[in-house]
Amino acid sequence: MFWLTPPAKATFLISVILAILALLVQYAHAAIPVVSGHGFETLLIAFLLLLAGNLFRGF
């Protein structure tokens, strides 16, 4: 059984920023150099980062 912990503030903030960037690329058609063309992958990385922040203490 996994014990879930709240993610660190920095981990949460980075994952939210990545998710917002991915949504801007997908729906607002914003041209963001690193994210453009990789919207799904960026959103996946944001989710996995938030998941790691919940599963591992202090991350």
PDB file of N, CA and C in Angstrom:
ATOM      1  N   MET A   1       0.836  -1.173   0.000  1.00  0.00           N
ATOM      2  CA  MET A   1       0.000   0.000   0.000  1.00  0.00           C
ATOM      3  C   MET A   1       0.885   1.241   0.000  1.00  0.00           C
ATOM      4  N   PHE A   2       0.490   2.209  -0.783  1.00  0.00           N
ATOM      5  CA  PHE A   2       1.228   3.458  -0.868  1.00  0.00           C
ATOM      6  C   PHE A   2       0.646   4.471   0.098  1.00  0.00           C
ATOM      7  N   TRP A   3       1.524   5.194   0.752  1.00  0.00           N
ATOM      8  CA  TRP A   3       1.104   6.310   1.581  1.00  0.00           C
ATOM      9  C   TRP A   3       1.328   7.567   0.764  1.00  0.00           C
ATOM     10  N   LEU A   4       0.265   8.282   0.470  1.00  0.00           N
ATOM     11  CA  LEU A   4       0.378   9.491  -0.327  1.00  0.00           C
ATOM     12  C   LEU A   4       0.711  10.674   0.559  1.00  0.00           C
ATOM     13  N   THR A   5       1.595  11.530   0.059  1.00  0.00           N
ATOM     14  CA  THR A   5       1.982  12.738   0.768  1.00  0.00           C
ATOM     15  C   THR A   5       1.758  13.917  -0.163  1.00  0.00           C
ATOM     16  N   PRO A   6       1.511  15.080   0.380  1.00  0.00           N
ATOM     17  CA  PRO A   6       1.371  16.248  -0.500  1.00  0.00           C
ATOM     18  C   PRO A   6       2.716  16.577  -1.142  1.00  0.00           C
ATOM     19  N   PRO A   7       2.707  16.989  -2.407  1.00  0.00           N
ATOM     20  CA  PRO A   7       3.972  17.334  -3.060  1.00  0.00           C
ATOM     21  C   PRO A   7       4.534  18.633  -2.497  1.00  0.00           C
ATOM     22  N   ALA A   8       5.809  18.821  -2.709  1.00  0.00           N
ATOM     23  CA  ALA A   8       6.439  20.081  -2.312  1.00  0.00           C
ATOM     24  C   ALA A   8       5.851  21.216  -3.149  1.00  0.00           C
ATOM     25  N   LYS A   9       5.934  22.417  -2.643  1.00  0.00           N
ATOM     26  CA  LYS A   9       5.362  23.558  -3.365  1.00  0.00           C
ATOM     27  C   LYS A   9       6.008  23.740  -4.728  1.00  0.00           C
ATOM     28  N   ALA A  10       7.314  23.545  -4.804  1.00  0.00           N
ATOM     29  CA  ALA A  10       8.019  23.716  -6.080  1.00  0.00           C
ATOM     30  C   ALA A  10       7.570  22.659  -7.092  1.00  0.00           C
ATOM     31  N   THR A  11       7.410  21.417  -6.655  1.00  0.00           N
ATOM     32  CA  THR A  11       6.958  20.349  -7.544  1.00  0.00           C
ATOM     33  C   THR A  11       5.566  20.646  -8.070  1.00  0.00           C
ATOM     34  N   PHE A  12       4.680  21.075  -7.193  1.00  0.00           N
ATOM     35  CA  PHE A  12       3.322  21.408  -7.597  1.00  0.00           C
ATOM     36  C   PHE A  12       3.317  22.568  -8.584  1.00  0.00           C
ATOM     37  N   LEU A  13       4.090  23.607  -8.285  1.00  0.00           N
ATOM     38  CA  LEU A  13       4.127  24.787  -9.143  1.00  0.00           C
ATOM     39  C   LEU A  13       4.683  24.463 -10.526  1.00  0.00           C
ATOM     40  N   ILE A  14       5.738  23.666 -10.592  1.00  0.00           N
ATOM     41  CA  ILE A  14       6.318  23.290 -11.882  1.00  0.00           C
ATOM     42  C   ILE A  14       5.329  22.463 -12.696  1.00  0.00           C
ATOM     43  N   SER A  15       4.631  21.540 -12.061  1.00  0.00           N
ATOM     44  CA  SER A  15       3.672  20.715 -12.792  1.00  0.00           C
ATOM     45  C   SER A  15       2.495  21.551 -13.301  1.00  0.00           C
ATOM     46  N   VAL A  16       2.051  22.519 -12.520  1.00  0.00           N
ATOM     47  CA  VAL A  16       0.960  23.391 -12.969  1.00  0.00           C
ATOM     48  C   VAL A  16       1.417  24.261 -14.144  1.00  0.00           C
ATOM     49  N   ILE A  17       2.617  24.781 -14.074  1.00  0.00           N
ATOM     50  CA  ILE A  17       3.139  25.606 -15.171  1.00  0.00           C
ATOM     51  C   ILE A  17       3.253  24.785 -16.451  1.00  0.00           C
ATOM     52  N   LEU A  18       3.771  23.560 -16.352  1.00  0.00           N
ATOM     53  CA  LEU A  18       3.868  22.698 -17.535  1.00  0.00           C
ATOM     54  C   LEU A  18       2.502  22.379 -18.112  1.00  0.00           C
ATOM     55  N   ALA A  19       1.532  22.124 -17.247  1.00  0.00           N
ATOM     56  CA  ALA A  19       0.176  21.825 -17.727  1.00  0.00           C
ATOM     57  C   ALA A  19      -0.435  23.039 -18.423  1.00  0.00           C
ATOM     58  N   ILE A  20      -0.236  24.230 -17.864  1.00  0.00           N
ATOM     59  CA  ILE A  20      -0.768  25.442 -18.487  1.00  0.00           C
ATOM     60  C   ILE A  20      -0.113  25.686 -19.839  1.00  0.00           C
ATOM     61  N   LEU A  21       1.191  25.472 -19.933  1.00  0.00           N
ATOM     62  CA  LEU A  21       1.873  25.631 -21.214  1.00  0.00           C
ATOM     63  C   LEU A  21       1.337  24.657 -22.260  1.00  0.00           C
ATOM     64  N   ALA A  22       1.105  23.415 -21.855  1.00  0.00           N
ATOM     65  CA  ALA A  22       0.567  22.419 -22.781  1.00  0.00           C
ATOM     66  C   ALA A  22      -0.834  22.810 -23.240  1.00  0.00           C
ATOM     67  N   LEU A  23      -1.652  23.318 -22.331  1.00  0.00           N
ATOM     68  CA  LEU A  23      -3.003  23.742 -22.704  1.00  0.00           C
ATOM     69  C   LEU A  23      -2.974  24.967 -23.617  1.00  0.00           C
ATOM     70  N   LEU A  24      -2.057  25.893 -23.378  1.00  0.00           N
ATOM     71  CA  LEU A  24      -1.935  27.057 -24.255  1.00  0.00           C
ATOM     72  C   LEU A  24      -1.538  26.656 -25.671  1.00  0.00           C
ATOM     73  N   VAL A  25      -0.643  25.707 -25.785  1.00  0.00           N
ATOM     74  CA  VAL A  25      -0.224  25.244 -27.108  1.00  0.00           C
ATOM     75  C   VAL A  25      -1.375  24.546 -27.824  1.00  0.00           C
ATOM     76  N   GLN A  26      -2.123  23.735 -27.093  1.00  0.00           N
ATOM     77  CA  GLN A  26      -3.195  22.953 -27.714  1.00  0.00           C
ATOM     78  C   GLN A  26      -4.400  23.801 -28.089  1.00  0.00           C
ATOM     79  N   TYR A  27      -4.859  24.642 -27.177  1.00  0.00           N
ATOM     80  CA  TYR A  27      -6.133  25.323 -27.391  1.00  0.00           C
ATOM     81  C   TYR A  27      -6.013  26.780 -27.816  1.00  0.00           C
ATOM     82  N   ALA A  28      -4.971  27.478 -27.409  1.00  0.00           N
ATOM     83  CA  ALA A  28      -4.798  28.874 -27.801  1.00  0.00           C
ATOM     84  C   ALA A  28      -3.855  29.005 -28.986  1.00  0.00           C
ATOM     85  N   HIS A  29      -3.295  27.893 -29.428  1.00  0.00           N
ATOM     86  CA  HIS A  29      -2.365  27.849 -30.558  1.00  0.00           C
ATOM     87  C   HIS A  29      -1.190  28.803 -30.359  1.00  0.00           C
ATOM     88  N   ALA A  30      -0.715  28.867 -29.127  1.00  0.00           N
ATOM     89  CA  ALA A  30       0.448  29.693 -28.804  1.00  0.00           C
ATOM     90  C   ALA A  30       1.710  28.991 -29.294  1.00  0.00           C
ATOM     91  N   ALA A  31       2.651  29.769 -29.765  1.00  0.00           N
ATOM     92  CA  ALA A  31       3.914  29.219 -30.254  1.00  0.00           C
ATOM     93  C   ALA A  31       4.961  29.318 -29.147  1.00  0.00           C
ATOM     94  N   ILE A  32       5.109  28.253 -28.395  1.00  0.00           N
ATOM     95  CA  ILE A  32       6.101  28.187 -27.333  1.00  0.00           C
ATOM     96  C   ILE A  32       7.192  27.239 -27.819  1.00  0.00           C
ATOM     97  N   PRO A  33       8.431  27.719 -27.958  1.00  0.00           N
ATOM     98  CA  PRO A  33       9.469  26.948 -28.658  1.00  0.00           C
ATOM     99  C   PRO A  33       9.657  25.502 -28.187  1.00  0.00           C
ATOM    100  N   VAL A  34       9.764  25.256 -26.914  1.00  0.00           N
ATOM    101  CA  VAL A  34      10.064  23.904 -26.443  1.00  0.00           C
ATOM    102  C   VAL A  34       8.814  23.030 -26.437  1.00  0.00           C
ATOM    103  N   VAL A  35       7.665  23.622 -26.190  1.00  0.00           N
ATOM    104  CA  VAL A  35       6.441  22.862 -25.994  1.00  0.00           C
ATOM    105  C   VAL A  35       5.678  22.636 -27.296  1.00  0.00           C
ATOM    106  N   SER A  36       5.769  23.551 -28.239  1.00  0.00           N
ATOM    107  CA  SER A  36       5.011  23.435 -29.489  1.00  0.00           C
ATOM    108  C   SER A  36       5.344  22.129 -30.192  1.00  0.00           C
ATOM    109  N   GLY A  37       4.319  21.408 -30.556  1.00  0.00           N
ATOM    110  CA  GLY A  37       4.504  20.117 -31.199  1.00  0.00           C
ATOM    111  C   GLY A  37       4.614  18.966 -30.219  1.00  0.00           C
ATOM    112  N   HIS A  38       4.701  19.282 -28.948  1.00  0.00           N
ATOM    113  CA  HIS A  38       4.823  18.258 -27.913  1.00  0.00           C
ATOM    114  C   HIS A  38       3.843  18.515 -26.772  1.00  0.00           C
ATOM    115  N   GLY A  39       2.644  18.932 -27.103  1.00  0.00           N
ATOM    116  CA  GLY A  39       1.661  19.285 -26.084  1.00  0.00           C
ATOM    117  C   GLY A  39       1.280  18.120 -25.197  1.00  0.00           C
ATOM    118  N   PHE A  40       1.007  16.969 -25.825  1.00  0.00           N
ATOM    119  CA  PHE A  40       0.616  15.797 -25.041  1.00  0.00           C
ATOM    120  C   PHE A  40       1.752  15.327 -24.144  1.00  0.00           C
ATOM    121  N   GLU A  41       2.962  15.307 -24.679  1.00  0.00           N
ATOM    122  CA  GLU A  41       4.103  14.863 -23.893  1.00  0.00           C
ATOM    123  C   GLU A  41       4.372  15.802 -22.718  1.00  0.00           C
ATOM    124  N   THR A  42       4.187  17.099 -22.934  1.00  0.00           N
ATOM    125  CA  THR A  42       4.378  18.069 -21.859  1.00  0.00           C
ATOM    126  C   THR A  42       3.339  17.871 -20.765  1.00  0.00           C
ATOM    127  N   LEU A  43       2.091  17.631 -21.159  1.00  0.00           N
ATOM    128  CA  LEU A  43       1.049  17.380 -20.169  1.00  0.00           C
ATOM    129  C   LEU A  43       1.310  16.074 -19.426  1.00  0.00           C
ATOM    130  N   LEU A  44       1.821  15.067 -20.110  1.00  0.00           N
ATOM    131  CA  LEU A  44       2.166  13.804 -19.473  1.00  0.00           C
ATOM    132  C   LEU A  44       3.294  13.992 -18.460  1.00  0.00           C
ATOM    133  N   ILE A  45       4.300  14.767 -18.811  1.00  0.00           N
ATOM    134  CA  ILE A  45       5.404  15.043 -17.885  1.00  0.00           C
ATOM    135  C   ILE A  45       4.895  15.787 -16.662  1.00  0.00           C
ATOM    136  N   ALA A  46       3.984  16.737 -16.862  1.00  0.00           N
ATOM    137  CA  ALA A  46       3.416  17.478 -15.729  1.00  0.00           C
ATOM    138  C   ALA A  46       2.673  16.531 -14.803  1.00  0.00           C
ATOM    139  N   PHE A  47       1.888  15.613 -15.365  1.00  0.00           N
ATOM    140  CA  PHE A  47       1.147  14.670 -14.537  1.00  0.00           C
ATOM    141  C   PHE A  47       2.085  13.716 -13.804  1.00  0.00           C
ATOM    142  N   LEU A  48       3.095  13.199 -14.494  1.00  0.00           N
ATOM    143  CA  LEU A  48       4.033  12.271 -13.858  1.00  0.00           C
ATOM    144  C   LEU A  48       4.837  12.957 -12.757  1.00  0.00           C
ATOM    145  N   LEU A  49       5.178  14.221 -12.962  1.00  0.00           N
ATOM    146  CA  LEU A  49       5.881  14.972 -11.924  1.00  0.00           C
ATOM    147  C   LEU A  49       4.996  15.136 -10.689  1.00  0.00           C
ATOM    148  N   LEU A  50       3.724  15.454 -10.902  1.00  0.00           N
ATOM    149  CA  LEU A  50       2.808  15.583  -9.775  1.00  0.00           C
ATOM    150  C   LEU A  50       2.583  14.236  -9.092  1.00  0.00           C
ATOM    151  N   LEU A  51       2.520  13.166  -9.863  1.00  0.00           N
ATOM    152  CA  LEU A  51       2.387  11.826  -9.298  1.00  0.00           C
ATOM    153  C   LEU A  51       3.593  11.459  -8.436  1.00  0.00           C
ATOM    154  N   ALA A  52       4.793  11.756  -8.952  1.00  0.00           N
ATOM    155  CA  ALA A  52       6.005  11.482  -8.174  1.00  0.00           C
ATOM    156  C   ALA A  52       6.034  12.309  -6.901  1.00  0.00           C
ATOM    157  N   GLY A  53       5.543  13.538  -6.977  1.00  0.00           N
ATOM    158  CA  GLY A  53       5.485  14.371  -5.789  1.00  0.00           C
ATOM    159  C   GLY A  53       4.530  13.819  -4.746  1.00  0.00           C
ATOM    160  N   ASN A  54       3.502  13.104  -5.172  1.00  0.00           N
ATOM    161  CA  ASN A  54       2.560  12.515  -4.226  1.00  0.00           C
ATOM    162  C   ASN A  54       3.060  11.183  -3.665  1.00  0.00           C
ATOM    163  N   LEU A  55       3.793  10.426  -4.449  1.00  0.00           N
ATOM    164  CA  LEU A  55       4.220   9.094  -4.025  1.00  0.00           C
ATOM    165  C   LEU A  55       5.498   9.125  -3.190  1.00  0.00           C
ATOM    166  N   PHE A  56       6.398  10.056  -3.450  1.00  0.00           N
ATOM    167  CA  PHE A  56       7.674  10.084  -2.753  1.00  0.00           C
ATOM    168  C   PHE A  56       7.725  11.271  -1.796  1.00  0.00           C
ATOM    169  N   ARG A  57       8.116  10.996  -0.588  1.00  0.00           N
ATOM    170  CA  ARG A  57       8.157  12.033   0.457  1.00  0.00           C
ATOM    171  C   ARG A  57       9.295  13.025   0.157  1.00  0.00           C
ATOM    172  N   GLY A  58       8.985  14.302   0.247  1.00  0.00           N
ATOM    173  CA  GLY A  58       9.990  15.336   0.060  1.00  0.00           C
ATOM    174  C   GLY A  58      10.325  15.649  -1.385  1.00  0.00           C
ATOM    175  N   PHE A  59       9.495  15.206  -2.330  1.00  0.00           N
ATOM    176  CA  PHE A  59       9.784  15.443  -3.746  1.00  0.00           C
ATOM    177  C   PHE A  59       8.834  16.474  -4.288  1.00  0.00           C
TER     178      PHE A  59
END
